[in-house]
Amino acid sequence: MSYTQDQLEALQAALAHGERRVTFGDKTVEYRSIEELRQAVRDVQSGMFKQAVATGLWPRAPRQIQINTFKGT
């Protein structure tokens, strides 16, 4: 599923205010508990990170090159 920064901000704002109801555009979702809302925030963050990696917006681990030299006798 595709997530947006606006969705994440709306979830975080609701969590910060202790609300369980979140509105995204014309959709309203009411979570059963604050813990369920926290899990939704984690899910959206994880999904956004996976999207960024898949599209190349978030780089993977940098490559490391090791050079060893030896000066003979």
PDB file of N, CA and C in Angstrom:
ATOM      1  N   MET A   1       0.836  -1.175   0.000  1.00  0.00           N
ATOM      2  CA  MET A   1       0.000   0.000   0.000  1.00  0.00           C
ATOM      3  C   MET A   1       0.882   1.239   0.000  1.00  0.00           C
ATOM      4  N   SER A   2       0.442   2.260  -0.666  1.00  0.00           N
ATOM      5  CA  SER A   2       1.179   3.505  -0.783  1.00  0.00           C
ATOM      6  C   SER A   2       0.742   4.474   0.309  1.00  0.00           C
ATOM      7  N   TYR A   3       1.722   5.008   1.025  1.00  0.00           N
ATOM      8  CA  TYR A   3       1.440   5.952   2.097  1.00  0.00           C
ATOM      9  C   TYR A   3       1.998   7.323   1.731  1.00  0.00           C
ATOM     10  N   THR A   4       1.433   8.359   2.336  1.00  0.00           N
ATOM     11  CA  THR A   4       1.910   9.717   2.096  1.00  0.00           C
ATOM     12  C   THR A   4       2.372  10.342   3.410  1.00  0.00           C
ATOM     13  N   GLN A   5       3.142  11.401   3.281  1.00  0.00           N
ATOM     14  CA  GLN A   5       3.615  12.142   4.448  1.00  0.00           C
ATOM     15  C   GLN A   5       2.438  12.763   5.197  1.00  0.00           C
ATOM     16  N   ASP A   6       1.413  13.191   4.467  1.00  0.00           N
ATOM     17  CA  ASP A   6       0.218  13.769   5.112  1.00  0.00           C
ATOM     18  C   ASP A   6      -0.473  12.753   6.012  1.00  0.00           C
ATOM     19  N   GLN A   7      -0.557  11.506   5.558  1.00  0.00           N
ATOM     20  CA  GLN A   7      -1.176  10.465   6.378  1.00  0.00           C
ATOM     21  C   GLN A   7      -0.378  10.243   7.657  1.00  0.00           C
ATOM     22  N   LEU A   8       0.936  10.178   7.512  1.00  0.00           N
ATOM     23  CA  LEU A   8       1.783   9.979   8.683  1.00  0.00           C
ATOM     24  C   LEU A   8       1.629  11.140   9.663  1.00  0.00           C
ATOM     25  N   GLU A   9       1.625  12.363   9.164  1.00  0.00           N
ATOM     26  CA  GLU A   9       1.482  13.530  10.034  1.00  0.00           C
ATOM     27  C   GLU A   9       0.134  13.550  10.739  1.00  0.00           C
ATOM     28  N   ALA A  10      -0.927  13.147  10.046  1.00  0.00           N
ATOM     29  CA  ALA A  10      -2.256  13.102  10.670  1.00  0.00           C
ATOM     30  C   ALA A  10      -2.290  12.063  11.790  1.00  0.00           C
ATOM     31  N   LEU A  11      -1.682  10.908  11.563  1.00  0.00           N
ATOM     32  CA  LEU A  11      -1.628   9.873  12.599  1.00  0.00           C
ATOM     33  C   LEU A  11      -0.811  10.347  13.800  1.00  0.00           C
ATOM     34  N   GLN A  12       0.324  10.977  13.538  1.00  0.00           N
ATOM     35  CA  GLN A  12       1.163  11.455  14.630  1.00  0.00           C
ATOM     36  C   GLN A  12       0.492  12.577  15.410  1.00  0.00           C
ATOM     37  N   ALA A  13      -0.232  13.448  14.728  1.00  0.00           N
ATOM     38  CA  ALA A  13      -0.944  14.518  15.410  1.00  0.00           C
ATOM     39  C   ALA A  13      -2.047  13.949  16.307  1.00  0.00           C
ATOM     40  N   ALA A  14      -2.769  12.971  15.812  1.00  0.00           N
ATOM     41  CA  ALA A  14      -3.824  12.344  16.621  1.00  0.00           C
ATOM     42  C   ALA A  14      -3.211  11.669  17.840  1.00  0.00           C
ATOM     43  N   LEU A  15      -2.095  11.008  17.645  1.00  0.00           N
ATOM     44  CA  LEU A  15      -1.424  10.335  18.754  1.00  0.00           C
ATOM     45  C   LEU A  15      -0.938  11.353  19.788  1.00  0.00           C
ATOM     46  N   ALA A  16      -0.393  12.457  19.319  1.00  0.00           N
ATOM     47  CA  ALA A  16       0.103  13.494  20.230  1.00  0.00           C
ATOM     48  C   ALA A  16      -1.020  14.107  21.060  1.00  0.00           C
ATOM     49  N   HIS A  17      -2.223  14.188  20.489  1.00  0.00           N
ATOM     50  CA  HIS A  17      -3.364  14.771  21.203  1.00  0.00           C
ATOM     51  C   HIS A  17      -4.188  13.730  21.943  1.00  0.00           C
ATOM     52  N   GLY A  18      -3.811  12.473  21.849  1.00  0.00           N
ATOM     53  CA  GLY A  18      -4.546  11.420  22.542  1.00  0.00           C
ATOM     54  C   GLY A  18      -5.871  11.072  21.894  1.00  0.00           C
ATOM     55  N   GLU A  19      -6.034  11.430  20.641  1.00  0.00           N
ATOM     56  CA  GLU A  19      -7.272  11.132  19.924  1.00  0.00           C
ATOM     57  C   GLU A  19      -7.167   9.757  19.271  1.00  0.00           C
ATOM     58  N   ARG A  20      -8.303   9.134  19.076  1.00  0.00           N
ATOM     59  CA  ARG A  20      -8.322   7.841  18.391  1.00  0.00           C
ATOM     60  C   ARG A  20      -8.932   7.943  17.006  1.00  0.00           C
ATOM     61  N   ARG A  21      -9.452   9.105  16.654  1.00  0.00           N
ATOM     62  CA  ARG A  21     -10.087   9.301  15.348  1.00  0.00           C
ATOM     63  C   ARG A  21      -9.157  10.131  14.466  1.00  0.00           C
ATOM     64  N   VAL A  22      -8.915   9.613  13.249  1.00  0.00           N
ATOM     65  CA  VAL A  22      -8.016  10.276  12.307  1.00  0.00           C
ATOM     66  C   VAL A  22      -8.756  10.452  10.990  1.00  0.00           C
ATOM     67  N   THR A  23      -8.601  11.637  10.381  1.00  0.00           N
ATOM     68  CA  THR A  23      -9.245  11.919   9.098  1.00  0.00           C
ATOM     69  C   THR A  23      -8.180  12.167   8.047  1.00  0.00           C
ATOM     70  N   PHE A  24      -8.284  11.420   6.928  1.00  0.00           N
ATOM     71  CA  PHE A  24      -7.413  11.593   5.767  1.00  0.00           C
ATOM     72  C   PHE A  24      -8.308  12.018   4.612  1.00  0.00           C
ATOM     73  N   GLY A  25      -8.291  13.278   4.285  1.00  0.00           N
ATOM     74  CA  GLY A  25      -9.135  13.741   3.178  1.00  0.00           C
ATOM     75  C   GLY A  25     -10.596  13.517   3.499  1.00  0.00           C
ATOM     76  N   ASP A  26     -11.250  12.592   2.764  1.00  0.00           N
ATOM     77  CA  ASP A  26     -12.668  12.316   2.981  1.00  0.00           C
ATOM     78  C   ASP A  26     -12.909  11.045   3.790  1.00  0.00           C
ATOM     79  N   LYS A  27     -11.837  10.384   4.249  1.00  0.00           N
ATOM     80  CA  LYS A  27     -11.964   9.160   5.042  1.00  0.00           C
ATOM     81  C   LYS A  27     -11.666   9.428   6.505  1.00  0.00           C
ATOM     82  N   THR A  28     -12.462   8.836   7.373  1.00  0.00           N
ATOM     83  CA  THR A  28     -12.232   8.933   8.812  1.00  0.00           C
ATOM     84  C   THR A  28     -12.103   7.530   9.377  1.00  0.00           C
ATOM     85  N   VAL A  29     -11.062   7.344  10.183  1.00  0.00           N
ATOM     86  CA  VAL A  29     -10.808   6.041  10.812  1.00  0.00           C
ATOM     87  C   VAL A  29     -10.762   6.261  12.313  1.00  0.00           C
ATOM     88  N   GLU A  30     -11.473   5.407  13.038  1.00  0.00           N
ATOM     89  CA  GLU A  30     -11.420   5.467  14.497  1.00  0.00           C
ATOM     90  C   GLU A  30     -10.776   4.181  14.996  1.00  0.00           C
ATOM     91  N   TYR A  31      -9.684   4.330  15.705  1.00  0.00           N
ATOM     92  CA  TYR A  31      -8.956   3.184  16.233  1.00  0.00           C
ATOM     93  C   TYR A  31      -9.533   2.779  17.578  1.00  0.00           C
ATOM     94  N   ARG A  32      -9.429   1.502  17.902  1.00  0.00           N
ATOM     95  CA  ARG A  32     -10.007   0.989  19.146  1.00  0.00           C
ATOM     96  C   ARG A  32      -9.228   1.433  20.372  1.00  0.00           C
ATOM     97  N   SER A  33      -7.913   1.625  20.199  1.00  0.00           N
ATOM     98  CA  SER A  33      -7.094   2.023  21.340  1.00  0.00           C
ATOM     99  C   SER A  33      -5.923   2.870  20.851  1.00  0.00           C
ATOM    100  N   ILE A  34      -5.263   3.510  21.795  1.00  0.00           N
ATOM    101  CA  ILE A  34      -4.078   4.300  21.470  1.00  0.00           C
ATOM    102  C   ILE A  34      -2.966   3.366  20.978  1.00  0.00           C
ATOM    103  N   GLU A  35      -2.884   2.178  21.541  1.00  0.00           N
ATOM    104  CA  GLU A  35      -1.867   1.219  21.100  1.00  0.00           C
ATOM    105  C   GLU A  35      -2.091   0.821  19.640  1.00  0.00           C
ATOM    106  N   GLU A  36      -3.320   0.669  19.244  1.00  0.00           N
ATOM    107  CA  GLU A  36      -3.615   0.356  17.845  1.00  0.00           C
ATOM    108  C   GLU A  36      -3.212   1.532  16.938  1.00  0.00           C
ATOM    109  N   LEU A  37      -3.396   2.745  17.423  1.00  0.00           N
ATOM    110  CA  LEU A  37      -2.968   3.932  16.681  1.00  0.00           C
ATOM    111  C   LEU A  37      -1.448   3.979  16.581  1.00  0.00           C
ATOM    112  N   ARG A  38      -0.762   3.646  17.673  1.00  0.00           N
ATOM    113  CA  ARG A  38       0.709   3.589  17.634  1.00  0.00           C
ATOM    114  C   ARG A  38       1.189   2.573  16.599  1.00  0.00           C
ATOM    115  N   GLN A  39       0.526   1.428  16.543  1.00  0.00           N
ATOM    116  CA  GLN A  39       0.890   0.402  15.562  1.00  0.00           C
ATOM    117  C   GLN A  39       0.652   0.905  14.147  1.00  0.00           C
ATOM    118  N   ALA A  40      -0.404   1.667  13.944  1.00  0.00           N
ATOM    119  CA  ALA A  40      -0.677   2.236  12.621  1.00  0.00           C
ATOM    120  C   ALA A  40       0.436   3.200  12.221  1.00  0.00           C
ATOM    121  N   VAL A  41       0.917   4.010  13.163  1.00  0.00           N
ATOM    122  CA  VAL A  41       2.024   4.928  12.881  1.00  0.00           C
ATOM    123  C   VAL A  41       3.259   4.134  12.486  1.00  0.00           C
ATOM    124  N   ARG A  42       3.560   3.070  13.238  1.00  0.00           N
ATOM    125  CA  ARG A  42       4.726   2.233  12.910  1.00  0.00           C
ATOM    126  C   ARG A  42       4.574   1.587  11.539  1.00  0.00           C
ATOM    127  N   ASP A  43       3.373   1.128  11.221  1.00  0.00           N
ATOM    128  CA  ASP A  43       3.131   0.500   9.922  1.00  0.00           C
ATOM    129  C   ASP A  43       3.331   1.484   8.774  1.00  0.00           C
ATOM    130  N   VAL A  44       2.835   2.706   8.951  1.00  0.00           N
ATOM    131  CA  VAL A  44       2.974   3.724   7.905  1.00  0.00           C
ATOM    132  C   VAL A  44       4.448   4.107   7.749  1.00  0.00           C
ATOM    133  N   GLN A  45       5.158   4.277   8.856  1.00  0.00           N
ATOM    134  CA  GLN A  45       6.584   4.603   8.779  1.00  0.00           C
ATOM    135  C   GLN A  45       7.352   3.492   8.066  1.00  0.00           C
ATOM    136  N   SER A  46       7.047   2.259   8.407  1.00  0.00           N
ATOM    137  CA  SER A  46       7.713   1.122   7.762  1.00  0.00           C
ATOM    138  C   SER A  46       7.390   1.073   6.274  1.00  0.00           C
ATOM    139  N   GLY A  47       6.133   1.296   5.935  1.00  0.00           N
ATOM    140  CA  GLY A  47       5.726   1.282   4.533  1.00  0.00           C
ATOM    141  C   GLY A  47       6.388   2.394   3.738  1.00  0.00           C
ATOM    142  N   MET A  48       6.486   3.578   4.348  1.00  0.00           N
ATOM    143  CA  MET A  48       7.130   4.696   3.656  1.00  0.00           C
ATOM    144  C   MET A  48       8.621   4.431   3.459  1.00  0.00           C
ATOM    145  N   PHE A  49       9.257   3.803   4.436  1.00  0.00           N
ATOM    146  CA  PHE A  49      10.669   3.467   4.308  1.00  0.00           C
ATOM    147  C   PHE A  49      10.875   2.447   3.182  1.00  0.00           C
ATOM    148  N   LYS A  50      10.008   1.442   3.137  1.00  0.00           N
ATOM    149  CA  LYS A  50      10.117   0.434   2.070  1.00  0.00           C
ATOM    150  C   LYS A  50       9.893   1.058   0.698  1.00  0.00           C
ATOM    151  N   GLN A  51       8.962   2.002   0.598  1.00  0.00           N
ATOM    152  CA  GLN A  51       8.725   2.702  -0.670  1.00  0.00           C
ATOM    153  C   GLN A  51       9.961   3.499  -1.074  1.00  0.00           C
ATOM    154  N   ALA A  52      10.578   4.170  -0.114  1.00  0.00           N
ATOM    155  CA  ALA A  52      11.755   4.983  -0.412  1.00  0.00           C
ATOM    156  C   ALA A  52      12.915   4.116  -0.883  1.00  0.00           C
ATOM    157  N   VAL A  53      13.092   2.958  -0.264  1.00  0.00           N
ATOM    158  CA  VAL A  53      14.166   2.050  -0.676  1.00  0.00           C
ATOM    159  C   VAL A  53      13.875   1.498  -2.067  1.00  0.00           C
ATOM    160  N   ALA A  54      12.627   1.122  -2.313  1.00  0.00           N
ATOM    161  CA  ALA A  54      12.265   0.532  -3.606  1.00  0.00           C
ATOM    162  C   ALA A  54      12.420   1.514  -4.757  1.00  0.00           C
ATOM    163  N   THR A  55      12.185   2.789  -4.497  1.00  0.00           N
ATOM    164  CA  THR A  55      12.281   3.786  -5.562  1.00  0.00           C
ATOM    165  C   THR A  55      13.659   4.434  -5.635  1.00  0.00           C
ATOM    166  N   GLY A  56      14.557   4.060  -4.732  1.00  0.00           N
ATOM    167  CA  GLY A  56      15.907   4.599  -4.757  1.00  0.00           C
ATOM    168  C   GLY A  56      16.050   5.925  -4.042  1.00  0.00           C
ATOM    169  N   LEU A  57      15.010   6.374  -3.344  1.00  0.00           N
ATOM    170  CA  LEU A  57      15.100   7.635  -2.612  1.00  0.00           C
ATOM    171  C   LEU A  57      15.896   7.492  -1.319  1.00  0.00           C
ATOM    172  N   TRP A  58      15.971   6.286  -0.816  1.00  0.00           N
ATOM    173  CA  TRP A  58      16.735   6.032   0.397  1.00  0.00           C
ATOM    174  C   TRP A  58      17.841   5.064   0.024  1.00  0.00           C
ATOM    175  N   PRO A  59      19.075   5.490   0.154  1.00  0.00           N
ATOM    176  CA  PRO A  59      20.166   4.599  -0.263  1.00  0.00           C
ATOM    177  C   PRO A  59      20.330   3.416   0.670  1.00  0.00           C
ATOM    178  N   ARG A  60      20.786   2.372   0.088  1.00  0.00           N
ATOM    179  CA  ARG A  60      21.101   1.187   0.888  1.00  0.00           C
ATOM    180  C   ARG A  60      22.447   1.409   1.567  1.00  0.00           C
ATOM    181  N   ALA A  61      22.909   0.413   2.261  1.00  0.00           N
ATOM    182  CA  ALA A  61      24.185   0.533   2.956  1.00  0.00           C
ATOM    183  C   ALA A  61      25.296   0.848   1.955  1.00  0.00           C
ATOM    184  N   PRO A  62      26.157   1.773   2.302  1.00  0.00           N
ATOM    185  CA  PRO A  62      27.233   2.126   1.377  1.00  0.00           C
ATOM    186  C   PRO A  62      28.202   0.969   1.192  1.00  0.00           C
ATOM    187  N   ARG A  63      28.767   0.914   0.015  1.00  0.00           N
ATOM    188  CA  ARG A  63      29.775  -0.113  -0.250  1.00  0.00           C
ATOM    189  C   ARG A  63      31.083   0.304   0.388  1.00  0.00           C
ATOM    190  N   GLN A  64      31.805  -0.675   0.821  1.00  0.00           N
ATOM    191  CA  GLN A  64      33.106  -0.410   1.405  1.00  0.00           C
ATOM    192  C   GLN A  64      34.168  -1.090   0.568  1.00  0.00           C
ATOM    193  N   ILE A  65      35.189  -0.360   0.273  1.00  0.00           N
ATOM    194  CA  ILE A  65      36.309  -0.910  -0.502  1.00  0.00           C
ATOM    195  C   ILE A  65      37.535  -0.855   0.392  1.00  0.00           C
ATOM    196  N   GLN A  66      38.191  -1.970   0.514  1.00  0.00           N
ATOM    197  CA  GLN A  66      39.389  -2.043   1.340  1.00  0.00           C
ATOM    198  C   GLN A  66      40.577  -2.317   0.442  1.00  0.00           C
ATOM    199  N   ILE A  67      41.597  -1.503   0.588  1.00  0.00           N
ATOM    200  CA  ILE A  67      42.806  -1.661  -0.231  1.00  0.00           C
ATOM    201  C   ILE A  67      43.954  -2.030   0.709  1.00  0.00           C
ATOM    202  N   ASN A  68      44.592  -3.123   0.417  1.00  0.00           N
ATOM    203  CA  ASN A  68      45.740  -3.556   1.195  1.00  0.00           C
ATOM    204  C   ASN A  68      46.982  -3.466   0.298  1.00  0.00           C
ATOM    205  N   THR A  69      48.004  -2.898   0.817  1.00  0.00           N
ATOM    206  CA  THR A  69      49.259  -2.819   0.056  1.00  0.00           C
ATOM    207  C   THR A  69      50.374  -3.461   0.865  1.00  0.00           C
ATOM    208  N   PHE A  70      51.350  -3.916   0.150  1.00  0.00           N
ATOM    209  CA  PHE A  70      52.492  -4.538   0.779  1.00  0.00           C
ATOM    210  C   PHE A  70      53.732  -4.155  -0.004  1.00  0.00           C
ATOM    211  N   LYS A  71      54.699  -3.647   0.693  1.00  0.00           N
ATOM    212  CA  LYS A  71      55.949  -3.297   0.054  1.00  0.00           C
ATOM    213  C   LYS A  71      56.941  -4.400   0.365  1.00  0.00           C
ATOM    214  N   GLY A  72      57.318  -5.135  -0.652  1.00  0.00           N
ATOM    215  CA  GLY A  72      58.236  -6.274  -0.447  1.00  0.00           C
ATOM    216  C   GLY A  72      59.625  -5.817  -0.055  1.00  0.00           C
ATOM    217  N   THR A  73      60.430  -6.773   0.452  1.00  0.00           N
ATOM    218  CA  THR A  73      61.789  -6.446   0.854  1.00  0.00           C
ATOM    219  C   THR A  73      62.789  -6.702  -0.228  1.00  0.00           C
TER     220      THR A  73
END
